[in-house]
Amino acid sequence: MPFCDQVRRLTDRPVCGVGGLTDPDFIEQQLSSGRVDCVAMSRQLIADCQWPKKVSEGRVADIRRCVRCNKECLGGLMAHRGVGCIYEKGRTER
C-alpha cells in the first residue's frame, strides 16, 4: 500500500492496490478512503473463488485466506500443471 500512496501523488489515473489483500474490512477501508480505486486479488480468488459471495453474505469467517505460498498457483503454472491452490482437495496432475 505504501507504493499506492506514492503513485497516487504522481498521477490522477486510477490506482490499483495489489499484494496480499485478503481482509474485506481492510480492503473496504482502502477503497472508502480513496487510497486505491480498485484492488487486485488474483491469488486470493484462486484460494477461494467464493470470496465476494461470502463477504456479501457476511460469512467472512468462512473465507479461505491465501497464505501466499505460491506452491500451486505460480508453482503449478511454472510446472505446466495449470493454476491451482494448496486448498484444493485431491488435486491431480494435469
Foldseek 3Di string as FASTA:
>chain_A
DVVLQVVVVVDPDFGEAEDQPQDPVVQVVCCVVSSGVYYDDVQQCLQPVCSVVCVVVVNSVPRDGDPPPCCQAVVCVVVVQHGHHPPDPPDDGD
